Protein backbone atom coordinates (compact mmCIF):
# COMPACT_ATOMS: atom_id res chain seq x y z
CA MET A 1 -28.40 -76.74 -44.02
CA THR A 2 -26.34 -79.84 -43.21
CA ASP A 3 -24.08 -79.65 -40.16
CA GLU A 4 -20.36 -80.23 -40.68
CA TYR A 5 -18.10 -81.91 -38.15
CA THR A 6 -14.31 -82.28 -37.97
CA ALA A 7 -12.54 -85.11 -36.13
CA ILE A 8 -8.81 -85.08 -35.35
CA THR A 9 -6.36 -87.32 -33.55
CA PHE A 10 -2.65 -88.14 -33.61
CA ALA A 11 -0.39 -91.05 -32.78
CA PRO A 12 1.52 -92.75 -31.20
CA VAL A 13 0.05 -92.36 -27.72
CA GLN A 14 0.66 -95.56 -25.75
CA GLY A 15 4.11 -96.05 -27.28
CA PHE A 16 5.08 -92.49 -26.41
CA ILE A 17 4.00 -92.97 -22.80
CA GLU A 18 5.56 -96.40 -22.41
CA LYS A 19 9.03 -95.23 -23.49
CA SER A 20 9.58 -93.57 -20.12
CA ARG A 21 12.35 -94.69 -17.80
CA LYS A 22 11.39 -92.68 -14.69
CA LEU A 23 8.16 -91.56 -13.07
CA ARG A 24 9.06 -87.96 -13.92
CA ASP A 25 9.26 -88.95 -17.61
CA LEU A 26 5.83 -90.59 -17.37
CA TYR A 27 4.39 -87.30 -16.16
CA GLY A 28 6.26 -85.50 -18.93
CA SER A 29 4.91 -87.73 -21.68
CA SER A 30 1.36 -87.45 -20.32
CA PHE A 31 1.56 -83.65 -20.19
CA ILE A 32 3.00 -83.38 -23.69
CA LEU A 33 0.18 -85.46 -25.19
CA SER A 34 -2.45 -83.51 -23.28
CA TYR A 35 -0.84 -80.16 -24.09
CA LEU A 36 -0.78 -80.93 -27.83
CA ALA A 37 -4.45 -81.92 -27.74
CA ARG A 38 -5.40 -78.85 -25.75
CA GLU A 39 -3.59 -76.48 -28.10
CA LEU A 40 -5.36 -78.10 -31.07
CA CYS A 41 -8.67 -77.40 -29.35
CA GLU A 42 -7.74 -73.80 -28.64
CA GLU A 43 -6.64 -73.20 -32.23
CA ALA A 44 -9.89 -74.70 -33.55
CA LYS A 45 -11.89 -72.29 -31.38
CA ARG A 46 -9.80 -69.35 -32.61
CA TYR A 47 -10.11 -70.36 -36.26
CA LEU A 48 -13.88 -70.88 -36.08
CA GLU A 49 -14.33 -67.84 -33.83
CA ASN A 50 -16.55 -70.00 -31.65
CA ALA A 51 -15.78 -70.70 -27.98
CA ASP A 52 -18.24 -73.62 -28.08
CA ALA A 53 -16.81 -75.31 -31.19
CA ILE A 54 -15.28 -78.24 -29.26
CA ILE A 55 -17.81 -81.01 -28.67
CA SER A 56 -15.25 -83.26 -26.99
CA PRO A 57 -13.03 -83.44 -25.07
CA ALA A 58 -14.38 -81.24 -22.31
CA ILE A 59 -11.85 -78.46 -21.62
CA ILE A 60 -11.44 -77.54 -17.96
CA ASN A 61 -8.53 -76.07 -16.00
CA LEU A 62 -6.74 -79.41 -15.87
CA THR A 63 -4.41 -80.20 -18.75
CA GLN A 64 -3.38 -83.59 -17.38
CA GLY A 65 -5.21 -86.28 -19.33
CA THR A 66 -6.89 -84.21 -22.04
CA PRO A 67 -7.95 -86.95 -24.54
CA ASN A 68 -6.29 -86.67 -27.94
CA GLN A 69 -9.36 -87.54 -30.05
CA ILE A 70 -10.96 -84.19 -30.81
CA LEU A 71 -14.45 -83.64 -32.20
CA ILE A 72 -15.28 -80.18 -33.54
CA ARG A 73 -18.51 -78.61 -34.74
CA GLY A 74 -17.58 -76.82 -37.97
CA ASN A 75 -14.99 -76.81 -40.73
CA PHE A 76 -11.49 -76.77 -39.26
CA PRO A 77 -9.33 -77.40 -42.39
CA GLU A 78 -6.75 -80.16 -42.34
CA LYS A 79 -3.82 -77.90 -43.20
CA ASP A 80 -4.67 -75.51 -40.35
CA ALA A 81 -5.17 -78.33 -37.86
CA LYS A 82 -1.93 -80.04 -38.82
CA LYS A 83 -0.07 -76.72 -38.68
CA ALA A 84 -1.38 -76.12 -35.15
CA LEU A 85 -0.12 -79.53 -33.98
CA ASN A 86 3.26 -79.15 -35.70
CA ASN A 87 3.83 -75.61 -34.43
CA THR A 88 3.03 -76.59 -30.85
CA TRP A 89 5.37 -79.57 -30.97
CA LYS A 90 8.05 -77.50 -32.70
CA GLY A 91 7.87 -74.95 -29.91
CA ILE A 92 8.56 -77.73 -27.40
CA THR A 93 11.39 -79.47 -29.28
CA GLN A 94 13.30 -76.44 -30.45
CA GLY A 95 12.76 -74.67 -27.14
CA CYS A 96 14.21 -77.62 -25.20
CA ARG A 97 17.18 -77.75 -27.57
CA THR A 98 18.03 -74.07 -27.23
CA TRP A 99 17.56 -74.20 -23.44
CA ILE A 100 20.16 -76.97 -23.17
CA GLU A 101 22.54 -75.10 -25.47
CA GLN A 102 22.26 -71.99 -23.31
CA GLN A 103 22.86 -73.94 -20.11
CA LEU A 104 25.84 -75.93 -21.37
CA PRO A 105 28.22 -74.17 -23.79
CA ASN A 106 29.48 -76.76 -26.28
CA LYS A 107 30.11 -77.12 -29.98
CA TYR A 108 26.69 -78.44 -30.97
CA CYS A 109 26.32 -80.48 -34.15
CA TRP A 110 22.93 -82.05 -33.52
CA GLN A 111 20.30 -79.74 -35.02
CA ASN A 112 19.48 -82.11 -37.89
CA GLU A 113 18.51 -84.81 -35.41
CA TRP A 114 16.31 -82.43 -33.43
CA ASN A 115 14.69 -81.28 -36.67
CA ALA A 116 13.94 -84.89 -37.57
CA TRP A 117 12.11 -85.37 -34.27
CA THR A 118 10.32 -82.07 -34.79
CA ASN A 119 9.06 -83.11 -38.23
CA HIS A 120 8.39 -86.83 -37.85
CA ALA A 121 7.34 -87.60 -34.26
CA TRP A 122 3.58 -87.73 -34.87
CA GLU A 123 1.17 -89.32 -37.30
CA PHE A 124 -1.78 -86.98 -37.91
CA PHE A 125 -5.35 -88.05 -38.71
CA TRP A 126 -8.15 -85.73 -39.89
CA GLN A 127 -11.63 -86.35 -41.27
CA GLN A 128 -14.88 -84.48 -41.83
CA GLY A 129 -18.49 -85.66 -42.04
CA ASN A 130 -22.12 -84.57 -41.84
CA SER A 131 -22.78 -86.26 -38.48
CA ILE A 132 -20.82 -87.20 -35.38
CA SER A 133 -21.26 -90.92 -35.98
CA ASN A 134 -20.18 -90.52 -39.60
CA VAL A 135 -17.03 -88.52 -38.87
CA ARG A 136 -15.96 -90.78 -36.00
CA GLN A 137 -16.29 -93.83 -38.25
CA LYS A 138 -14.32 -92.14 -41.03
CA LEU A 139 -11.57 -91.22 -38.56
CA ASN A 140 -11.33 -94.80 -37.29
CA ASN A 141 -11.11 -96.06 -40.88
CA LYS A 142 -8.38 -93.53 -41.64
CA LYS A 143 -6.32 -94.70 -38.66
CA ARG A 144 -6.24 -98.20 -40.12
CA SER A 145 -4.12 -96.91 -43.02
CA ARG A 146 -0.65 -95.69 -42.06
CA ASP A 147 1.23 -92.79 -43.63
CA TRP A 148 4.16 -92.13 -41.35
CA THR A 149 7.79 -91.26 -42.05
CA GLY A 150 10.15 -92.99 -39.63
CA ILE A 151 13.37 -91.46 -38.34
CA ASN A 152 16.71 -92.88 -39.45
CA TRP A 153 19.47 -92.68 -36.87
CA GLN A 154 23.08 -93.65 -36.56
CA GLY A 155 25.46 -94.34 -33.71
CA GLU A 156 24.78 -95.72 -30.24
CA SER A 157 21.14 -96.21 -29.24
CA SER A 158 19.31 -95.09 -26.13
CA THR A 159 19.65 -97.49 -23.23
CA LEU A 160 15.87 -97.41 -22.78
CA SER A 161 14.34 -98.04 -26.19
CA GLY A 162 17.25 -99.48 -28.15
CA ALA A 163 15.70 -97.80 -31.19
CA ASP A 164 16.57 -94.12 -30.83
CA ALA A 165 19.98 -92.49 -30.91
CA ILE A 166 21.57 -91.18 -27.73
CA ALA A 167 21.34 -87.40 -27.62
CA PHE A 168 24.69 -85.60 -27.36
CA PRO A 169 26.25 -82.51 -29.02
CA GLY A 170 28.12 -84.44 -31.71
CA MET A 171 25.21 -86.52 -33.04
CA SER A 172 25.76 -85.28 -36.62
CA LEU A 173 29.51 -85.89 -36.61
CA ASN A 174 31.15 -89.00 -38.02
CA LEU A 175 32.96 -90.02 -34.82
CA SER A 176 34.68 -93.27 -34.05
CA PRO A 177 33.01 -95.45 -31.40
CA LYS A 178 35.70 -94.45 -28.87
CA GLU A 179 35.30 -90.74 -29.60
CA GLN A 180 31.53 -91.00 -29.48
CA SER A 181 31.60 -92.81 -26.15
CA ALA A 182 33.86 -90.13 -24.65
CA GLU A 183 31.63 -87.30 -25.91
CA ILE A 184 28.49 -88.99 -24.57
CA SER A 185 30.08 -89.49 -21.17
CA LYS A 186 31.23 -85.86 -21.07
CA PHE A 187 27.80 -84.51 -22.00
CA TYR A 188 25.87 -86.54 -19.41
CA ASN A 189 28.29 -85.51 -16.72
CA GLN A 190 27.53 -81.91 -17.73
CA LEU A 191 23.77 -82.49 -17.69
CA GLY A 192 24.04 -83.82 -14.16
CA THR A 193 25.52 -80.51 -12.99
CA ILE A 194 22.61 -78.22 -14.03
CA SER A 195 21.87 -76.83 -10.57
CA SER A 196 19.17 -74.36 -11.64
CA LEU A 197 16.62 -77.17 -11.81
CA GLY A 198 16.90 -77.74 -8.07
CA GLU A 199 17.93 -81.40 -8.26
CA ALA A 200 20.03 -83.66 -10.42
CA PHE A 201 18.51 -83.55 -13.89
CA VAL A 202 19.96 -86.87 -15.00
CA ASP A 203 21.99 -89.66 -13.54
CA THR A 204 25.39 -89.60 -15.23
CA THR A 205 24.91 -93.25 -16.23
CA GLU A 206 21.73 -92.47 -18.19
CA GLN A 207 21.90 -92.17 -21.95
CA LEU A 208 18.73 -90.46 -23.15
CA SER A 209 17.30 -90.04 -26.63
CA ILE A 210 15.97 -86.67 -27.80
CA PRO A 211 12.31 -87.43 -26.90
CA GLU A 212 13.44 -88.73 -23.50
CA LEU A 213 15.28 -85.46 -22.87
CA ILE A 214 12.16 -83.51 -23.84
CA LYS A 215 9.91 -85.51 -21.51
CA ARG A 216 12.32 -84.93 -18.63
CA LEU A 217 12.70 -81.19 -19.27
CA ILE A 218 8.99 -80.39 -19.67
CA THR A 219 8.30 -81.21 -16.01
CA TYR A 220 10.53 -78.41 -14.67
CA LYS A 221 9.02 -74.98 -13.99
CA GLU A 222 12.11 -73.19 -15.28
CA VAL A 223 11.91 -74.95 -18.64
CA LYS A 224 8.14 -74.57 -18.83
CA SER A 225 8.59 -70.83 -18.31
CA TYR A 226 11.30 -70.70 -20.99
CA LEU A 227 8.91 -72.40 -23.42
CA ASN A 228 6.19 -69.84 -22.59
CA ILE A 229 3.85 -72.56 -21.41
CA SER A 230 1.55 -70.78 -18.97
CA SER A 231 0.13 -72.34 -15.82
CA GLU A 232 -3.26 -72.21 -17.54
CA ARG A 233 -1.94 -74.80 -20.00
CA ILE A 234 0.00 -77.01 -17.56
CA PRO A 235 -0.95 -75.98 -14.00
CA ASP A 236 2.00 -76.22 -11.61
CA VAL A 237 -0.17 -78.06 -9.12
CA GLU A 238 -0.37 -81.03 -11.51
CA ILE A 239 3.39 -81.66 -11.37
CA PRO A 240 4.78 -83.04 -8.07
CA GLN A 241 7.19 -80.73 -6.25
CA THR A 242 9.62 -83.61 -5.91
CA PHE A 243 9.83 -87.13 -7.29
CA ARG A 244 12.31 -88.38 -4.69
CA ASN A 245 9.61 -89.80 -2.43
CA LEU A 246 8.18 -91.80 -5.32
CA SER A 247 11.41 -93.66 -6.05
CA ARG A 248 10.90 -97.36 -6.63
CA PHE A 249 14.56 -98.14 -6.03
CA GLU A 250 14.92 -97.15 -2.36
CA ASP A 251 14.50 -99.27 0.78
CA ASN A 252 13.20 -102.23 -1.24
CA ARG A 253 9.79 -100.54 -1.44
CA TRP A 254 7.00 -102.19 -3.37
CA THR A 255 4.50 -100.15 -5.33
CA GLY A 256 1.04 -100.88 -6.72
CA TRP A 257 0.32 -99.78 -10.30
CA PHE A 258 -3.13 -99.80 -11.90
CA GLN A 259 -4.47 -98.99 -15.36
CA GLY A 260 -8.12 -98.79 -16.33
CA ASP A 261 -10.47 -98.03 -19.18
CA GLY A 262 -14.24 -97.83 -19.56
CA ASP A 263 -15.86 -100.76 -21.34
CA SER A 264 -17.58 -100.47 -24.75
CA ILE A 265 -17.54 -96.68 -24.73
CA GLY A 266 -18.32 -96.58 -28.46
CA ASN A 267 -21.54 -98.54 -27.91
CA HIS A 268 -22.45 -96.28 -25.00
CA LEU A 269 -21.95 -93.15 -27.11
CA ARG A 270 -24.17 -94.58 -29.84
CA SER A 271 -26.89 -95.23 -27.28
CA LEU A 272 -26.61 -91.62 -26.10
CA ALA A 273 -27.02 -90.43 -29.68
CA ASP A 274 -30.23 -92.44 -30.01
CA ALA A 275 -31.57 -90.77 -26.88
CA GLY A 276 -31.47 -87.21 -28.23
CA ASP A 277 -29.19 -84.50 -29.61
CA GLU A 278 -25.98 -86.40 -30.40
CA SER A 279 -23.74 -83.34 -30.08
CA ALA A 280 -25.21 -82.24 -26.76
CA GLU A 281 -25.15 -85.75 -25.31
CA LEU A 282 -21.54 -86.34 -26.29
CA ASN A 283 -20.49 -82.98 -24.85
CA LYS A 284 -22.32 -83.73 -21.60
CA PHE A 285 -20.68 -87.17 -21.38
CA SER A 286 -17.22 -85.69 -21.96
CA HIS A 287 -17.74 -83.13 -19.18
CA LYS A 288 -19.00 -85.83 -16.81
CA MET A 289 -15.95 -88.04 -17.34
CA VAL A 290 -13.35 -85.27 -17.11
CA ASN A 291 -14.95 -83.90 -13.94
CA TRP A 292 -15.21 -87.42 -12.53
CA ALA A 293 -11.44 -87.79 -12.88
CA LYS A 294 -10.84 -84.40 -11.24
CA ASP A 295 -13.40 -84.65 -8.44
CA SER A 296 -13.54 -88.38 -7.63
CA LEU A 297 -10.64 -90.42 -9.02
CA ILE A 298 -7.70 -88.12 -8.26
CA PRO A 299 -8.81 -87.24 -4.67
CA SER A 300 -9.54 -90.90 -3.87
CA VAL A 301 -6.10 -92.06 -5.03
CA LYS A 302 -4.35 -89.19 -3.27
CA LYS A 303 -6.17 -89.94 -0.02
CA ASN A 304 -4.81 -93.49 -0.16
CA ASN A 305 -1.13 -92.56 -0.67
CA GLY A 306 -1.12 -92.64 -4.44
CA ARG A 307 -0.90 -90.49 -7.55
CA ILE A 308 -2.77 -90.38 -10.83
CA ILE A 309 -0.28 -90.10 -13.67
CA TYR A 310 -2.83 -89.91 -16.47
CA ALA A 311 -6.61 -89.45 -16.33
CA GLY A 312 -8.18 -88.92 -19.74
CA GLY A 313 -11.78 -89.32 -18.66
CA ASP A 314 -12.49 -93.04 -18.56
CA ASP A 315 -8.83 -93.89 -19.37
CA PHE A 316 -6.44 -93.67 -16.40
CA LEU A 317 -3.10 -94.79 -14.96
CA GLY A 318 -1.92 -94.45 -11.36
CA VAL A 319 0.44 -95.72 -8.68
CA PHE A 320 0.21 -96.35 -4.94
CA TYR A 321 3.36 -95.94 -2.84
CA ARG A 322 4.52 -95.15 0.69
CA THR A 323 6.78 -92.14 1.26
CA THR A 324 7.99 -93.18 4.72
CA PRO A 325 10.29 -96.15 5.38
CA GLU A 326 7.84 -97.64 7.86
CA PRO A 327 5.27 -98.98 7.66
CA LYS A 328 5.83 -100.24 4.17
CA LEU A 329 2.95 -100.37 1.73
CA LYS A 330 1.13 -103.71 1.78
CA VAL A 331 -0.58 -105.25 -1.19
CA THR A 332 -3.73 -105.74 0.91
CA GLU A 333 -4.06 -101.93 1.26
CA VAL A 334 -4.10 -101.45 -2.49
CA LEU A 335 -6.41 -104.41 -3.07
CA HIS A 336 -8.88 -102.95 -0.56
CA TRP A 337 -9.01 -99.74 -2.63
CA LEU A 338 -9.44 -101.73 -5.85
CA TYR A 339 -12.30 -103.80 -4.38
CA GLN A 340 -14.10 -100.58 -3.41
CA PHE A 341 -13.27 -98.76 -6.64
CA GLU A 342 -16.35 -99.55 -8.71
CA PRO A 343 -19.09 -98.80 -6.14
CA LYS A 344 -17.40 -95.88 -4.34
CA VAL A 345 -15.35 -94.16 -7.07
CA TRP A 346 -16.25 -95.30 -10.58
CA LYS A 347 -20.02 -94.97 -10.30
CA ALA A 348 -19.71 -91.35 -9.14
CA HIS A 349 -19.91 -90.18 -12.78
CA GLY A 350 -23.47 -91.54 -13.05
CA GLU A 351 -23.09 -93.14 -16.48
CA ASP A 352 -24.31 -96.69 -17.13
CA ILE A 353 -20.95 -98.18 -18.11
CA THR A 354 -18.59 -100.69 -16.54
CA VAL A 355 -14.80 -100.50 -16.27
CA SER A 356 -11.82 -102.85 -16.59
CA VAL A 357 -8.82 -102.25 -14.33
CA GLY A 358 -5.50 -104.09 -14.35
CA PHE A 359 -3.23 -104.17 -11.29
CA VAL A 360 0.50 -104.91 -10.98
CA TRP A 361 2.29 -105.30 -7.62
CA THR A 362 5.87 -104.25 -8.34
CA ALA A 363 9.15 -104.89 -6.54
CA ALA A 364 11.81 -102.21 -6.33
CA GLY A 365 14.16 -102.11 -9.31
CA VAL A 366 11.79 -103.53 -11.93
CA PRO A 367 12.22 -101.38 -15.06
CA GLN A 368 9.36 -98.95 -15.44
CA ARG A 369 8.75 -99.91 -19.06
CA ASP A 370 8.14 -103.51 -17.95
CA VAL A 371 5.70 -102.29 -15.29
CA LEU A 372 3.71 -100.31 -17.87
CA GLN A 373 3.59 -103.22 -20.31
CA HIS A 374 2.36 -105.55 -17.57
CA CYS A 375 -0.26 -102.98 -16.52
CA LYS A 376 -1.54 -102.88 -20.09
CA GLU A 377 -1.66 -106.69 -20.28
CA ALA A 378 -3.46 -106.87 -16.94
CA GLU A 379 -6.06 -104.34 -18.08
CA GLN A 380 -6.65 -106.22 -21.34
CA SER A 381 -7.03 -109.43 -19.36
CA ALA A 382 -9.54 -107.73 -17.03
C-alpha cells in the first residue's frame, strides 16, 4: 500500500509580520501566524484520529514560532484543512470586533470591512503526494501560481502601510473627508481610554487598520480570554508583562536587531531522507530545531538583555536592548554575542548545517518597519 502525505501552508508571512508599527504588534503578528499553524495541526490530528499524524512541525508547549509549512502523514482533505484555517482566523477577527464593540458603545457600520479581512487575509496552499519529497515539491510548485482575492478599500489609509483603510466605526458610511476625520479622531481617543487592558491601548495619534488592531489586541490576556484562546495555545509566559521597557523612543536608546535562517535546509532534508526513513528523519529534525530554539536560543538571548520575537526552528528574529537608563547598550556587547553565536548557541542542535544572520544597530525613533526591512536585507546579504 502506497503511503499518502498532505502538505499545507498559507501566505503572506513576512509581509504580515513586517506591517507592525510597535514591538507589541510584532509579537501579535508572530503569535497569530503560529496559532493558525498550530490549530491546523490539531485539526489534522482530530480528523485523522491519529496523535502522531504531524510529521513537521514538531508540536511542543510553545506556540511562538510554530512554522507554517505543515507536513501530515495521511489524507487531510483540502476543504477540511481550509475550513480549519478559515474558522480559526474568523474566531480571531470577529472576536476582536465584538470585543471592541462591547467596550466602546458606538453606532458601528464597519462589519463589511471586518468580513472582508476575515475572508481574504490569507492565501491557502494544499497538495498531496505519495512521498515527502514529492508532496513538498508539489507544494512549492503550487506556491508559484497565485490565486488570491485582494481587498478593496475606500477612505483614508492606515498611517503605517498606506494600503489599508483606517479602522473606525463609520468605515461603511459615505462620509465627507471632514466628517471622516472627526469620526476617526473621536474613535482613537476612545480606544486610548480602555483602562481594562492595564495600559494605554493606542496612542491617540495612531490610525490603525483592521489587521493592526487585531495584532495589538491579541497580546492582551483579557482579549485572549474573550477569544477562548487557552494558555496551552498561547502560553502567557511567551508574552511580556509590559512593553514599556522595550521602547525604542525613550532616552535616545539604541537597540540591536538580528534575523537569521539556516542555510540550504532543503538540501539538508534531502540528505536526511537518503540516510534512512524520510518521515522519521524529518520528524526528528523538526523536534531538534524547535527544542534548540526553546532550550538554547531563547535563554541565551534573554541572558544577554534581549528577547526573541519569533523562533520557528532555524528561522528567528530578536532584539537586544537595555531597560535601565545607564549604562546604555553598546554595539560591542551585541557584536560579542553574535561572534559567539555559531559555536556556543547555533551548534547546540547538533545538525550539520550553517546559518546566516543579519544585524542592524538601530537609533531611537527609526520606524520599526524600516528596521525589519533592513534586518531582512542584512540576512540576505549574510
